[in-house]
């Protein structure tokens, strides 16, 4: 694997930091389960029981780091997991372990996800 560009590593660190809060990790997992349709804010709030102002803060942080996308539907905001960004992050995490030192075989990671 080629040497990482510092800005790339920094970006991935920011993405991981954004998911480092329990509530945000729960939001990402919920949105992955609702993929590709996503969920409106009220549905997320009802499912996770996070107060509206706190939920808004968490969703904004996830959006800022590119982990979720948002689209307006009339008066509602619909959030979806950004699967491309999450795939890129996982690829970054597993690149070395699956190539240089073979800690995991690529098919083991796929099997874990099923």
N, C-alpha and C. Protein backbone atom coordinates (compact mmCIF):
# COMPACT_ATOMS: atom_id res chain seq x y z
N UNK A 1 0.84 -1.19 0.00
CA UNK A 1 0.00 0.00 0.00
C UNK A 1 0.88 1.24 0.00
N UNK A 2 0.49 2.24 -0.74
CA UNK A 2 1.24 3.49 -0.79
C UNK A 2 1.11 4.21 0.54
N UNK A 3 2.10 5.02 0.81
CA UNK A 3 2.07 5.78 2.05
C UNK A 3 0.85 6.70 2.06
N UNK A 4 0.16 6.75 3.22
CA UNK A 4 -1.03 7.60 3.33
C UNK A 4 -0.66 9.07 3.26
N UNK A 5 -1.52 9.81 2.63
CA UNK A 5 -1.36 11.25 2.65
C UNK A 5 -1.85 11.74 4.01
N UNK A 6 -1.13 12.66 4.66
CA UNK A 6 -1.53 13.12 5.99
C UNK A 6 -2.96 13.64 6.05
N UNK A 7 -3.41 14.36 5.02
CA UNK A 7 -4.76 14.89 5.05
C UNK A 7 -5.80 13.77 4.98
N UNK A 8 -5.48 12.67 4.32
CA UNK A 8 -6.38 11.52 4.24
C UNK A 8 -6.52 10.89 5.63
N UNK A 9 -5.41 10.66 6.30
CA UNK A 9 -5.43 10.07 7.62
C UNK A 9 -6.18 10.97 8.59
N UNK A 10 -5.96 12.26 8.49
CA UNK A 10 -6.64 13.22 9.34
C UNK A 10 -8.16 13.17 9.11
N UNK A 11 -8.55 13.07 7.86
CA UNK A 11 -9.98 12.98 7.52
C UNK A 11 -10.61 11.75 8.13
N UNK A 12 -9.93 10.62 8.01
CA UNK A 12 -10.47 9.37 8.58
C UNK A 12 -10.51 9.44 10.11
N UNK A 13 -9.52 10.09 10.70
CA UNK A 13 -9.52 10.26 12.16
C UNK A 13 -10.73 11.09 12.59
N UNK A 14 -11.05 12.13 11.83
CA UNK A 14 -12.22 12.96 12.15
C UNK A 14 -13.52 12.15 12.00
N UNK A 15 -13.57 11.30 10.99
CA UNK A 15 -14.76 10.47 10.80
C UNK A 15 -14.92 9.50 11.97
N UNK A 16 -13.83 8.87 12.37
CA UNK A 16 -13.88 7.95 13.51
C UNK A 16 -14.23 8.68 14.80
N UNK A 17 -13.69 9.87 14.97
CA UNK A 17 -14.01 10.66 16.17
C UNK A 17 -15.49 11.01 16.20
N UNK A 18 -16.07 11.31 15.04
CA UNK A 18 -17.50 11.64 14.99
C UNK A 18 -18.34 10.44 15.42
N UNK A 19 -17.90 9.25 15.09
CA UNK A 19 -18.65 8.06 15.49
C UNK A 19 -18.25 7.58 16.88
N UNK A 20 -17.32 8.29 17.52
CA UNK A 20 -16.84 7.90 18.83
C UNK A 20 -17.83 8.15 19.95
N UNK A 21 -18.84 8.93 19.71
CA UNK A 21 -19.89 9.16 20.70
C UNK A 21 -20.95 8.06 20.55
N UNK A 22 -21.37 7.50 21.66
CA UNK A 22 -22.33 6.39 21.62
C UNK A 22 -23.58 6.74 20.81
N UNK A 23 -24.13 7.91 21.03
CA UNK A 23 -25.36 8.30 20.33
C UNK A 23 -25.13 8.36 18.82
N UNK A 24 -24.00 8.90 18.39
CA UNK A 24 -23.75 9.00 16.95
C UNK A 24 -23.51 7.63 16.32
N UNK A 25 -22.86 6.75 17.04
CA UNK A 25 -22.68 5.39 16.53
C UNK A 25 -24.04 4.69 16.41
N UNK A 26 -24.91 4.90 17.38
CA UNK A 26 -26.27 4.33 17.31
C UNK A 26 -27.03 4.89 16.11
N UNK A 27 -26.87 6.17 15.84
CA UNK A 27 -27.54 6.81 14.70
C UNK A 27 -27.04 6.19 13.39
N UNK A 28 -25.72 6.05 13.25
CA UNK A 28 -25.17 5.48 12.02
C UNK A 28 -25.68 4.05 11.82
N UNK A 29 -25.68 3.26 12.86
CA UNK A 29 -26.16 1.88 12.75
C UNK A 29 -27.64 1.85 12.37
N UNK A 30 -28.43 2.71 12.97
CA UNK A 30 -29.86 2.78 12.65
C UNK A 30 -30.06 3.16 11.19
N UNK A 31 -29.32 4.15 10.73
CA UNK A 31 -29.45 4.59 9.34
C UNK A 31 -28.95 3.53 8.36
N UNK A 32 -27.94 2.78 8.74
CA UNK A 32 -27.51 1.67 7.88
C UNK A 32 -28.62 0.63 7.76
N UNK A 33 -29.33 0.40 8.85
CA UNK A 33 -30.44 -0.54 8.83
C UNK A 33 -31.61 -0.05 7.99
N UNK A 34 -31.71 1.25 7.81
CA UNK A 34 -32.79 1.85 7.03
C UNK A 34 -32.35 2.17 5.60
N UNK A 35 -31.16 1.75 5.24
CA UNK A 35 -30.62 2.05 3.91
C UNK A 35 -31.39 1.30 2.83
N UNK A 36 -31.69 1.86 1.69
CA UNK A 36 -31.25 3.16 1.19
C UNK A 36 -32.24 4.30 1.47
N UNK A 37 -33.39 3.99 2.02
CA UNK A 37 -34.43 5.01 2.19
C UNK A 37 -34.08 6.06 3.23
N UNK A 38 -33.36 5.67 4.27
CA UNK A 38 -33.08 6.60 5.34
C UNK A 38 -34.28 6.81 6.24
N UNK A 39 -34.20 7.80 7.09
CA UNK A 39 -35.26 8.09 8.05
C UNK A 39 -35.38 9.59 8.25
N UNK A 40 -36.60 10.03 8.53
CA UNK A 40 -36.78 11.44 8.89
C UNK A 40 -36.40 11.60 10.36
N UNK A 41 -36.09 12.83 10.72
CA UNK A 41 -35.58 13.11 12.05
C UNK A 41 -36.52 12.59 13.14
N UNK A 42 -37.81 12.76 12.97
CA UNK A 42 -38.76 12.30 13.98
C UNK A 42 -38.71 10.79 14.18
N UNK A 43 -38.47 10.06 13.10
CA UNK A 43 -38.36 8.60 13.21
C UNK A 43 -37.09 8.20 13.97
N UNK A 44 -36.01 8.91 13.70
CA UNK A 44 -34.76 8.64 14.41
C UNK A 44 -34.95 8.93 15.89
N UNK A 45 -35.55 10.05 16.18
CA UNK A 45 -35.77 10.46 17.57
C UNK A 45 -36.65 9.45 18.30
N UNK A 46 -37.72 9.01 17.66
CA UNK A 46 -38.63 8.04 18.29
C UNK A 46 -37.93 6.71 18.53
N UNK A 47 -37.11 6.29 17.60
CA UNK A 47 -36.41 5.01 17.71
C UNK A 47 -35.34 5.02 18.80
N UNK A 48 -34.59 6.12 18.89
CA UNK A 48 -33.46 6.16 19.80
C UNK A 48 -33.72 6.91 21.10
N UNK A 49 -34.79 7.69 21.14
CA UNK A 49 -35.12 8.41 22.36
C UNK A 49 -34.14 9.52 22.71
N UNK A 50 -33.52 10.09 21.71
CA UNK A 50 -32.59 11.19 21.93
C UNK A 50 -33.36 12.50 21.85
N UNK A 51 -33.20 13.39 22.83
CA UNK A 51 -33.91 14.68 22.79
C UNK A 51 -33.63 15.42 21.48
N UNK A 52 -34.64 16.11 20.94
CA UNK A 52 -34.50 16.76 19.62
C UNK A 52 -33.29 17.66 19.46
N UNK A 53 -32.99 18.51 20.43
CA UNK A 53 -31.85 19.41 20.27
C UNK A 53 -30.53 18.64 20.27
N UNK A 54 -30.44 17.61 21.07
CA UNK A 54 -29.24 16.78 21.11
C UNK A 54 -29.10 15.99 19.81
N UNK A 55 -30.21 15.46 19.32
CA UNK A 55 -30.20 14.71 18.07
C UNK A 55 -29.73 15.61 16.92
N UNK A 56 -30.23 16.82 16.89
CA UNK A 56 -29.83 17.77 15.85
C UNK A 56 -28.33 17.99 15.86
N UNK A 57 -27.76 18.15 17.04
CA UNK A 57 -26.31 18.33 17.19
C UNK A 57 -25.55 17.11 16.64
N UNK A 58 -25.99 15.91 17.00
CA UNK A 58 -25.33 14.69 16.55
C UNK A 58 -25.44 14.52 15.04
N UNK A 59 -26.60 14.77 14.49
CA UNK A 59 -26.79 14.63 13.05
C UNK A 59 -25.93 15.64 12.29
N UNK A 60 -25.81 16.83 12.81
CA UNK A 60 -24.97 17.85 12.16
C UNK A 60 -23.51 17.42 12.16
N UNK A 61 -23.04 16.87 13.25
CA UNK A 61 -21.65 16.40 13.33
C UNK A 61 -21.42 15.28 12.32
N UNK A 62 -22.33 14.32 12.23
CA UNK A 62 -22.20 13.22 11.27
C UNK A 62 -22.24 13.74 9.84
N UNK A 63 -23.10 14.71 9.59
CA UNK A 63 -23.20 15.30 8.25
C UNK A 63 -21.91 16.04 7.90
N UNK A 64 -21.39 16.80 8.84
CA UNK A 64 -20.17 17.56 8.63
C UNK A 64 -19.00 16.65 8.26
N UNK A 65 -18.95 15.47 8.83
CA UNK A 65 -17.86 14.53 8.55
C UNK A 65 -18.17 13.64 7.34
N UNK A 66 -19.32 13.84 6.71
CA UNK A 66 -19.66 13.10 5.49
C UNK A 66 -20.16 11.70 5.72
N UNK A 67 -20.53 11.39 6.95
CA UNK A 67 -20.99 10.03 7.27
C UNK A 67 -22.47 9.83 7.00
N UNK A 68 -23.23 10.92 6.96
CA UNK A 68 -24.65 10.86 6.61
C UNK A 68 -24.94 11.93 5.57
N UNK A 69 -25.99 11.71 4.83
CA UNK A 69 -26.48 12.72 3.89
C UNK A 69 -27.87 13.12 4.33
N UNK A 70 -28.29 14.29 3.90
CA UNK A 70 -29.61 14.78 4.27
C UNK A 70 -30.28 15.37 3.04
N UNK A 71 -31.58 15.15 2.95
CA UNK A 71 -32.35 15.78 1.87
C UNK A 71 -33.68 16.24 2.46
N UNK A 72 -34.13 17.36 1.93
CA UNK A 72 -35.39 17.94 2.41
C UNK A 72 -36.55 17.31 1.65
N UNK A 73 -37.57 16.93 2.40
CA UNK A 73 -38.83 16.45 1.83
C UNK A 73 -39.94 17.28 2.45
N UNK A 74 -40.38 18.27 1.71
CA UNK A 74 -41.40 19.19 2.22
C UNK A 74 -40.86 19.85 3.50
N UNK A 75 -41.48 19.60 4.63
CA UNK A 75 -41.01 20.21 5.88
C UNK A 75 -40.13 19.27 6.69
N UNK A 76 -39.81 18.10 6.15
CA UNK A 76 -39.03 17.11 6.87
C UNK A 76 -37.61 17.02 6.32
N UNK A 77 -36.70 16.59 7.17
CA UNK A 77 -35.34 16.28 6.76
C UNK A 77 -35.15 14.78 6.85
N UNK A 78 -34.72 14.18 5.75
CA UNK A 78 -34.49 12.73 5.70
C UNK A 78 -32.99 12.48 5.67
N UNK A 79 -32.53 11.72 6.63
CA UNK A 79 -31.11 11.38 6.75
C UNK A 79 -30.88 9.95 6.28
N UNK A 80 -29.74 9.75 5.62
CA UNK A 80 -29.33 8.43 5.15
C UNK A 80 -27.85 8.24 5.47
N UNK A 81 -27.47 7.00 5.68
CA UNK A 81 -26.06 6.69 5.86
C UNK A 81 -25.35 6.90 4.54
N UNK A 82 -24.19 7.51 4.58
CA UNK A 82 -23.37 7.69 3.38
C UNK A 82 -22.50 6.43 3.24
N UNK A 83 -23.04 5.43 2.57
CA UNK A 83 -22.36 4.15 2.48
C UNK A 83 -21.04 4.25 1.72
N UNK A 84 -20.92 5.17 0.79
CA UNK A 84 -19.65 5.34 0.07
C UNK A 84 -18.55 5.78 1.04
N UNK A 85 -18.87 6.74 1.90
CA UNK A 85 -17.89 7.23 2.88
C UNK A 85 -17.54 6.14 3.89
N UNK A 86 -18.53 5.39 4.33
CA UNK A 86 -18.28 4.32 5.29
C UNK A 86 -17.45 3.21 4.65
N UNK A 87 -17.72 2.89 3.41
CA UNK A 87 -16.92 1.88 2.69
C UNK A 87 -15.47 2.35 2.56
N UNK A 88 -15.29 3.62 2.25
CA UNK A 88 -13.94 4.18 2.13
C UNK A 88 -13.20 4.11 3.46
N UNK A 89 -13.90 4.41 4.55
CA UNK A 89 -13.30 4.35 5.88
C UNK A 89 -12.90 2.91 6.23
N UNK A 90 -13.76 1.96 5.95
CA UNK A 90 -13.44 0.56 6.23
C UNK A 90 -12.28 0.08 5.37
N UNK A 91 -12.25 0.51 4.13
CA UNK A 91 -11.14 0.15 3.24
C UNK A 91 -9.83 0.67 3.81
N UNK A 92 -9.84 1.90 4.29
CA UNK A 92 -8.65 2.49 4.90
C UNK A 92 -8.21 1.67 6.11
N UNK A 93 -9.17 1.28 6.97
CA UNK A 93 -8.83 0.54 8.18
C UNK A 93 -8.25 -0.83 7.88
N UNK A 94 -8.81 -1.49 6.89
CA UNK A 94 -8.41 -2.87 6.62
C UNK A 94 -7.35 -3.02 5.55
N UNK A 95 -6.91 -1.97 4.92
CA UNK A 95 -5.97 -2.07 3.81
C UNK A 95 -4.68 -2.77 4.21
N UNK A 96 -4.10 -2.37 5.30
CA UNK A 96 -2.84 -2.98 5.73
C UNK A 96 -3.01 -4.40 6.22
N UNK A 97 -4.06 -4.65 6.97
CA UNK A 97 -4.20 -5.99 7.56
C UNK A 97 -4.53 -7.04 6.50
N UNK A 98 -5.06 -6.64 5.39
CA UNK A 98 -5.42 -7.60 4.35
C UNK A 98 -4.38 -7.68 3.25
N UNK A 99 -3.38 -6.81 3.28
CA UNK A 99 -2.39 -6.85 2.21
C UNK A 99 -1.00 -7.15 2.74
N UNK A 100 -0.47 -6.27 3.54
CA UNK A 100 0.92 -6.40 3.95
C UNK A 100 1.14 -7.59 4.90
N UNK A 101 0.38 -7.65 5.98
CA UNK A 101 0.70 -8.68 6.97
C UNK A 101 -0.36 -9.77 7.11
N UNK A 102 -1.41 -9.71 6.33
CA UNK A 102 -2.41 -10.78 6.26
C UNK A 102 -3.03 -11.13 7.62
N UNK A 103 -3.25 -10.13 8.48
CA UNK A 103 -3.90 -10.38 9.76
C UNK A 103 -5.28 -10.99 9.54
N UNK A 104 -6.01 -10.46 8.57
CA UNK A 104 -7.31 -10.98 8.19
C UNK A 104 -7.30 -11.26 6.70
N UNK A 105 -7.96 -12.30 6.31
CA UNK A 105 -8.19 -12.53 4.88
C UNK A 105 -9.40 -11.70 4.48
N UNK A 106 -9.41 -11.10 3.30
CA UNK A 106 -10.55 -10.27 2.90
C UNK A 106 -11.90 -11.00 3.02
N UNK A 107 -11.94 -12.30 2.74
CA UNK A 107 -13.21 -13.02 2.84
C UNK A 107 -13.68 -13.15 4.29
N UNK A 108 -12.77 -13.08 5.26
CA UNK A 108 -13.18 -13.11 6.67
C UNK A 108 -13.94 -11.84 7.03
N UNK A 109 -13.52 -10.71 6.50
CA UNK A 109 -14.20 -9.45 6.79
C UNK A 109 -15.58 -9.46 6.17
N UNK A 110 -15.69 -9.93 4.97
CA UNK A 110 -17.00 -10.01 4.30
C UNK A 110 -17.91 -10.94 5.09
N UNK A 111 -17.38 -12.05 5.55
CA UNK A 111 -18.18 -13.02 6.32
C UNK A 111 -18.68 -12.39 7.61
N UNK A 112 -17.89 -11.54 8.26
CA UNK A 112 -18.30 -10.85 9.47
C UNK A 112 -19.49 -9.95 9.23
N UNK A 113 -19.59 -9.41 8.03
CA UNK A 113 -20.65 -8.44 7.71
C UNK A 113 -21.96 -9.11 7.33
N UNK A 114 -21.98 -10.40 7.15
CA UNK A 114 -23.20 -11.08 6.73
C UNK A 114 -24.03 -11.53 7.89
